[in-house]
Amino acid sequence: MLKGIFAACVMCCSAFAYKVSICKVVEHEAINSVVAGVKDELKGKNVDYDVETCQADAALGFQIATKFVNSNADVIIAVGTTPAQCVFKFAKSGKTKLVFSSVTNPGDIAQSFDKSNTTGVSNFVDLKPQLELFKKLQPNLKKLGIIFNSGEANSVSIIKKLEAECQALGIELVKQAIQQSADIPQAANRLRAEVDAVFITNDNTALSGIPYIVKACNKSNVPVYVSDTDQVVKGCLASLGPNQYEIGRQTGRIVKKIMDGEDIKDMPVEYPDKTELFINKTQAQKLGMEVPDDVLDTAKVVM
């Protein structure tokens, strides 16, 4: 009798679980940190998760989005631009609620989210302070290389912004486009012979190949800067960027509001609350570089 009552209670509780479906653009540390942040923020809530990865493939992303909608997800979290684009048409037609996360340029999803059941958190932060940091570490920085996937909408949009900021600071931006992760070693070897430093922004393909980029650039004592602080430990010199885990927490707080009955249509798109500075002092020594004390003093993490 008691077993039957317990089973019924479990079924009842499961029936009222809030269904949160998550589609990740790719598998790498930054994206996984976002998901971890979401889940930690929602601890204590009765949540049923379904997590998939679309491997930056729009066709697969649309299949996953369709599956999530058909399974009556209460909210879909899309981590990255590609899955967000795939889910948006369902949100716009009222079939689901979309909360995107770690999207560099929300305009790549839609020009307006008005009445579209869509909001989220961008991972974009001002590029100028990042470039000013690079100049402080390398006063003679003239040529900055960048590797990016020309098929990633977020990367194409950030390149345009980066070109303007570089020009204002007297830096030539040397672009190296790739199509897939297999192109990274060759691209890195080509760039290291042409530039004073390499910068990897929020490009998911390039971020997945950081070890190859660092290995190639080390041969020419060319420092690698990155927008994702989680990558500094892999041999990048520095990062001034948002904490991806905290972006996940911020995303989770939006989901909480929706769970508590607030209207998603009244929620504006959010941006990172702050940036953090990570410095790899060990890498600087390998490159024969000196990190100024005032930079070290403002760093959250020095390794």
Protein backbone atom coordinates (compact mmCIF):
# COMPACT_ATOMS: atom_id res chain seq x y z
CA MET A 1 0.00 0.00 0.00
CA LEU A 2 2.74 2.46 1.04
CA LYS A 3 4.79 1.52 -2.02
CA GLY A 4 1.82 2.29 -4.22
CA ILE A 5 1.30 5.68 -2.59
CA PHE A 6 5.02 6.49 -2.91
CA ALA A 7 5.03 5.53 -6.59
CA ALA A 8 1.99 7.69 -7.19
CA CYS A 9 3.67 10.63 -5.46
CA VAL A 10 6.79 10.19 -7.60
CA MET A 11 4.68 10.11 -10.76
CA CYS A 12 2.79 13.19 -9.61
CA CYS A 13 5.98 15.12 -8.88
CA SER A 14 7.48 14.05 -12.23
CA ALA A 15 4.34 15.22 -14.02
CA PHE A 16 4.84 18.70 -12.65
CA ALA A 17 8.58 18.88 -13.41
CA TYR A 18 9.52 21.91 -15.49
CA LYS A 19 10.93 20.69 -18.81
CA VAL A 20 14.08 22.56 -19.80
CA SER A 21 15.62 21.44 -23.09
CA ILE A 22 19.15 22.63 -23.91
CA CYS A 23 20.81 22.61 -27.33
CA LYS A 24 24.55 23.31 -27.36
CA VAL A 25 26.25 24.53 -30.53
CA VAL A 26 29.35 22.33 -29.97
CA GLU A 27 31.15 20.47 -27.21
CA HIS A 28 33.88 22.49 -25.53
CA GLU A 29 34.70 23.87 -22.09
CA ALA A 30 33.12 27.30 -22.51
CA ILE A 31 29.79 25.92 -23.70
CA ASN A 32 29.78 23.23 -21.02
CA SER A 33 30.52 25.89 -18.39
CA VAL A 34 27.41 27.78 -19.50
CA VAL A 35 25.27 24.66 -19.08
CA ALA A 36 26.80 23.98 -15.66
CA GLY A 37 25.97 27.54 -14.61
CA VAL A 38 22.36 27.15 -15.73
CA LYS A 39 21.92 23.92 -13.79
CA ASP A 40 23.54 25.32 -10.66
CA GLU A 41 21.29 28.37 -10.76
CA LEU A 42 18.21 26.14 -11.04
CA LYS A 43 19.19 23.81 -8.20
CA GLY A 44 16.28 23.29 -5.85
CA LYS A 45 13.77 23.61 -8.68
CA ASN A 46 11.95 20.55 -10.03
CA VAL A 47 13.52 20.50 -13.49
CA ASP A 48 13.65 17.76 -16.10
CA TYR A 49 16.59 18.36 -18.49
CA ASP A 50 17.14 17.18 -22.05
CA VAL A 51 20.55 18.19 -23.44
CA GLU A 52 21.69 17.79 -27.05
CA THR A 53 24.53 19.13 -29.22
CA CYS A 54 24.03 20.17 -32.84
CA GLN A 55 27.76 20.30 -33.75
CA ALA A 56 27.26 23.75 -35.37
CA ASP A 57 25.12 22.05 -38.02
CA ALA A 58 21.93 23.97 -38.81
CA ALA A 59 20.15 20.92 -40.24
CA LEU A 60 20.85 18.92 -37.08
CA GLY A 61 19.97 21.95 -34.97
CA PHE A 62 16.56 22.18 -36.63
CA GLN A 63 15.94 18.46 -36.00
CA ILE A 64 16.80 18.90 -32.32
CA ALA A 65 14.63 22.02 -32.06
CA THR A 66 11.72 20.14 -33.63
CA LYS A 67 12.20 17.27 -31.18
CA PHE A 68 12.23 19.65 -28.22
CA VAL A 69 9.07 21.42 -29.38
CA ASN A 70 7.27 18.14 -30.01
CA SER A 71 8.21 16.95 -26.51
CA ASN A 72 6.46 20.05 -25.10
CA ALA A 73 9.53 21.64 -23.52
CA ASP A 74 8.50 24.50 -21.24
CA VAL A 75 11.56 26.46 -22.29
CA ILE A 76 14.40 25.80 -24.72
CA ILE A 77 17.87 27.13 -23.94
CA ALA A 78 20.05 27.50 -27.03
CA VAL A 79 23.74 27.89 -26.21
CA GLY A 80 25.31 29.50 -29.27
CA THR A 81 24.04 31.24 -32.38
CA THR A 82 23.28 28.26 -34.63
CA PRO A 83 20.88 26.47 -32.27
CA ALA A 84 19.28 29.80 -31.34
CA GLN A 85 18.54 30.48 -35.00
CA CYS A 86 16.99 27.02 -35.33
CA VAL A 87 14.72 27.43 -32.30
CA PHE A 88 13.72 31.03 -33.00
CA LYS A 89 11.14 30.29 -35.71
CA PHE A 90 9.27 28.03 -33.25
CA ALA A 91 9.40 30.70 -30.53
CA LYS A 92 8.25 33.39 -32.93
CA SER A 93 5.21 31.30 -33.90
CA GLY A 94 4.35 30.76 -30.22
CA LYS A 95 5.21 27.06 -30.06
CA THR A 96 7.90 27.43 -27.39
CA LYS A 97 9.89 29.87 -25.28
CA LEU A 98 13.51 30.48 -26.28
CA VAL A 99 16.22 31.66 -23.92
CA PHE A 100 19.52 31.89 -25.80
CA SER A 101 22.91 32.05 -24.10
CA SER A 102 26.49 32.89 -25.08
CA VAL A 103 25.40 34.46 -28.38
CA THR A 104 27.87 37.12 -29.51
CA ASN A 105 25.50 39.06 -31.75
CA PRO A 106 21.79 38.60 -30.94
CA GLY A 107 21.02 40.38 -34.22
CA ASP A 108 22.16 37.22 -36.03
CA ILE A 109 19.09 35.48 -34.59
CA ALA A 110 16.60 38.25 -35.41
CA GLN A 111 16.58 42.01 -35.78
CA SER A 112 13.82 42.23 -33.18
CA PHE A 113 12.55 39.91 -30.44
CA ASP A 114 9.40 41.94 -29.84
CA LYS A 115 6.51 39.60 -28.97
CA SER A 116 8.56 36.60 -30.12
CA ASN A 117 8.80 34.56 -26.88
CA THR A 118 12.56 35.08 -27.03
CA THR A 119 15.21 36.60 -24.79
CA GLY A 120 18.64 35.60 -23.54
CA VAL A 121 22.18 36.49 -22.57
CA SER A 122 24.87 37.61 -25.01
CA ASN A 123 28.56 36.94 -24.33
CA PHE A 124 29.68 40.07 -26.18
CA VAL A 125 31.88 42.53 -24.33
CA ASP A 126 33.52 45.70 -25.59
CA LEU A 127 36.48 44.92 -27.86
CA LYS A 128 38.42 48.12 -27.22
CA PRO A 129 39.55 47.27 -23.65
CA GLN A 130 40.76 43.89 -24.91
CA LEU A 131 42.86 45.48 -27.63
CA GLU A 132 44.19 48.06 -25.19
CA LEU A 133 45.30 45.21 -22.94
CA PHE A 134 47.16 43.58 -25.83
CA LYS A 135 48.90 46.90 -26.58
CA LYS A 136 49.88 47.23 -22.93
CA LEU A 137 51.45 43.79 -22.99
CA GLN A 138 52.96 44.41 -26.44
CA PRO A 139 53.55 48.14 -26.99
CA ASN A 140 54.92 47.45 -30.48
CA LEU A 141 51.90 45.42 -31.57
CA LYS A 142 51.24 46.29 -35.22
CA LYS A 143 49.74 43.16 -36.77
CA LEU A 144 47.09 41.10 -35.00
CA GLY A 145 46.04 37.80 -36.52
CA ILE A 146 42.65 36.18 -36.10
CA ILE A 147 41.40 32.72 -37.03
CA PHE A 148 37.66 32.43 -37.57
CA ASN A 149 35.08 30.18 -39.15
CA SER A 150 33.53 32.13 -42.00
CA GLY A 151 30.41 29.99 -41.63
CA GLU A 152 29.73 31.18 -38.07
CA ALA A 153 27.48 34.24 -38.17
CA ASN A 154 28.70 35.42 -34.76
CA SER A 155 32.31 35.41 -35.98
CA VAL A 156 31.55 37.34 -39.16
CA SER A 157 29.76 40.05 -37.16
CA ILE A 158 32.56 40.38 -34.60
CA ILE A 159 35.20 40.64 -37.34
CA LYS A 160 33.49 43.79 -38.63
CA LYS A 161 33.54 45.37 -35.16
CA LEU A 162 37.13 44.25 -34.56
CA GLU A 163 38.39 45.75 -37.82
CA ALA A 164 37.06 49.18 -36.85
CA GLU A 165 38.57 49.01 -33.35
CA CYS A 166 41.94 47.83 -34.66
CA GLN A 167 42.07 50.63 -37.21
CA ALA A 168 41.43 53.21 -34.49
CA LEU A 169 44.37 51.87 -32.49
CA GLY A 170 46.74 51.62 -35.46
CA ILE A 171 46.64 47.81 -35.59
CA GLU A 172 46.38 45.85 -38.82
CA LEU A 173 43.98 42.93 -38.52
CA VAL A 174 45.22 39.90 -40.47
CA LYS A 175 42.32 37.53 -41.06
CA GLN A 176 42.57 33.79 -41.62
CA ALA A 177 39.26 32.15 -42.45
CA ILE A 178 38.66 28.44 -41.90
CA GLN A 179 35.77 26.11 -42.64
CA GLN A 180 36.36 23.33 -40.12
CA SER A 181 38.58 22.38 -37.20
CA ALA A 182 40.88 20.39 -39.50
CA ASP A 183 41.95 23.70 -41.10
CA ILE A 184 43.27 25.14 -37.82
CA PRO A 185 46.91 23.86 -37.77
CA GLN A 186 47.61 25.13 -41.29
CA ALA A 187 45.92 28.47 -40.59
CA ALA A 188 47.92 28.93 -37.38
CA ASN A 189 51.21 28.12 -39.07
CA ARG A 190 50.46 30.61 -41.83
CA LEU A 191 49.52 33.37 -39.40
CA ARG A 192 52.45 33.02 -37.01
CA ALA A 193 54.85 34.07 -39.78
CA GLU A 194 52.88 37.25 -40.51
CA VAL A 195 51.73 38.71 -37.19
CA ASP A 196 52.88 39.96 -33.79
CA ALA A 197 50.05 38.21 -31.92
CA VAL A 198 46.95 36.09 -32.53
CA PHE A 199 43.50 36.77 -31.05
CA ILE A 200 40.80 34.10 -30.86
CA THR A 201 37.38 35.58 -30.15
CA ASN A 202 34.04 33.84 -29.56
CA ASP A 203 34.47 31.50 -32.52
CA ASN A 204 33.47 27.99 -31.49
CA THR A 205 35.51 26.26 -34.19
CA ALA A 206 38.71 28.19 -33.41
CA LEU A 207 38.23 27.80 -29.66
CA SER A 208 38.08 24.03 -30.08
CA GLY A 209 41.58 24.16 -31.61
CA ILE A 210 43.36 26.39 -29.06
CA PRO A 211 46.07 23.78 -28.25
CA TYR A 212 47.03 23.56 -31.94
CA ILE A 213 47.08 27.34 -32.30
CA VAL A 214 49.26 27.81 -29.21
CA LYS A 215 51.63 25.05 -30.30
CA ALA A 216 52.13 26.63 -33.70
CA CYS A 217 52.52 30.18 -32.39
CA ASN A 218 55.04 29.12 -29.73
CA LYS A 219 57.44 28.21 -32.55
CA SER A 220 57.67 31.91 -33.45
CA ASN A 221 57.23 33.32 -29.91
CA VAL A 222 53.89 34.77 -30.97
CA PRO A 223 51.47 35.23 -28.04
CA VAL A 224 47.88 34.05 -28.31
CA TYR A 225 45.11 36.13 -26.74
CA VAL A 226 41.61 34.78 -26.29
CA SER A 227 38.18 36.08 -25.31
CA ASP A 228 37.32 32.93 -23.32
CA THR A 229 39.02 32.98 -19.91
CA ASP A 230 38.73 29.18 -19.63
CA GLN A 231 41.29 28.80 -22.44
CA VAL A 232 44.17 30.69 -20.80
CA VAL A 233 45.31 27.58 -18.95
CA LYS A 234 45.99 25.95 -22.34
CA GLY A 235 48.85 28.33 -23.08
CA CYS A 236 47.18 31.57 -24.11
CA LEU A 237 48.87 34.66 -22.70
CA ALA A 238 45.81 36.58 -21.53
CA SER A 239 42.07 36.97 -21.64
CA LEU A 240 39.81 39.85 -20.69
CA GLY A 241 36.35 38.42 -21.06
CA PRO A 242 33.17 37.25 -19.44
CA ASN A 243 33.04 34.23 -17.17
CA GLN A 244 31.08 31.63 -19.15
CA TYR A 245 29.86 29.89 -16.00
CA GLU A 246 28.44 33.21 -14.76
CA ILE A 247 26.75 33.70 -18.14
CA GLY A 248 25.07 30.36 -17.46
CA ARG A 249 23.98 31.53 -14.00
CA GLN A 250 22.61 34.72 -15.57
CA THR A 251 20.72 32.60 -18.11
CA GLY A 252 19.37 30.43 -15.31
CA ARG A 253 18.02 33.50 -13.51
CA ILE A 254 15.99 34.37 -16.62
CA VAL A 255 14.57 30.84 -16.70
CA LYS A 256 13.67 31.18 -13.02
CA LYS A 257 11.64 34.31 -13.79
CA ILE A 258 9.76 32.45 -16.52
CA MET A 259 9.11 29.54 -14.16
CA ASP A 260 7.75 32.03 -11.61
CA GLY A 261 5.23 33.31 -14.13
CA GLU A 262 6.90 36.42 -15.52
CA ASP A 263 6.23 37.13 -19.20
CA ILE A 264 9.26 36.41 -21.40
CA LYS A 265 8.04 39.09 -23.81
CA ASP A 266 8.81 41.71 -21.17
CA MET A 267 12.40 40.52 -20.62
CA PRO A 268 15.15 42.42 -22.47
CA VAL A 269 18.28 40.73 -23.79
CA GLU A 270 21.05 40.83 -21.19
CA TYR A 271 24.82 41.21 -21.46
CA PRO A 272 27.63 40.06 -19.12
CA ASP A 273 27.62 41.81 -15.77
CA LYS A 274 31.42 42.12 -15.78
CA THR A 275 34.68 40.94 -17.35
CA GLU A 276 37.54 39.11 -15.71
CA LEU A 277 41.26 39.29 -16.49
CA PHE A 278 43.25 36.06 -16.65
CA ILE A 279 47.03 36.21 -17.13
CA ASN A 280 49.32 33.29 -17.89
CA LYS A 281 52.57 34.54 -16.38
CA THR A 282 54.28 31.21 -17.06
CA GLN A 283 53.50 31.54 -20.76
CA ALA A 284 54.79 35.12 -20.76
CA GLN A 285 58.13 33.90 -19.38
CA LYS A 286 58.31 31.25 -22.10
CA LEU A 287 57.80 33.97 -24.70
CA GLY A 288 60.40 36.24 -23.07
CA MET A 289 57.75 38.82 -22.17
CA GLU A 290 57.32 40.89 -19.02
CA VAL A 291 53.82 41.43 -17.66
CA PRO A 292 53.52 44.91 -16.05
CA ASP A 293 52.78 44.91 -12.32
CA ASP A 294 49.66 47.03 -12.75
CA VAL A 295 48.25 44.39 -15.11
CA LEU A 296 49.03 41.59 -12.67
CA ASP A 297 47.45 43.59 -9.84
CA THR A 298 44.12 43.82 -11.66
CA ALA A 299 44.01 40.17 -12.77
CA LYS A 300 41.48 37.85 -11.20
CA VAL A 301 43.68 34.85 -12.00
CA VAL A 302 47.44 34.69 -12.55
CA MET A 303 48.87 31.32 -13.47
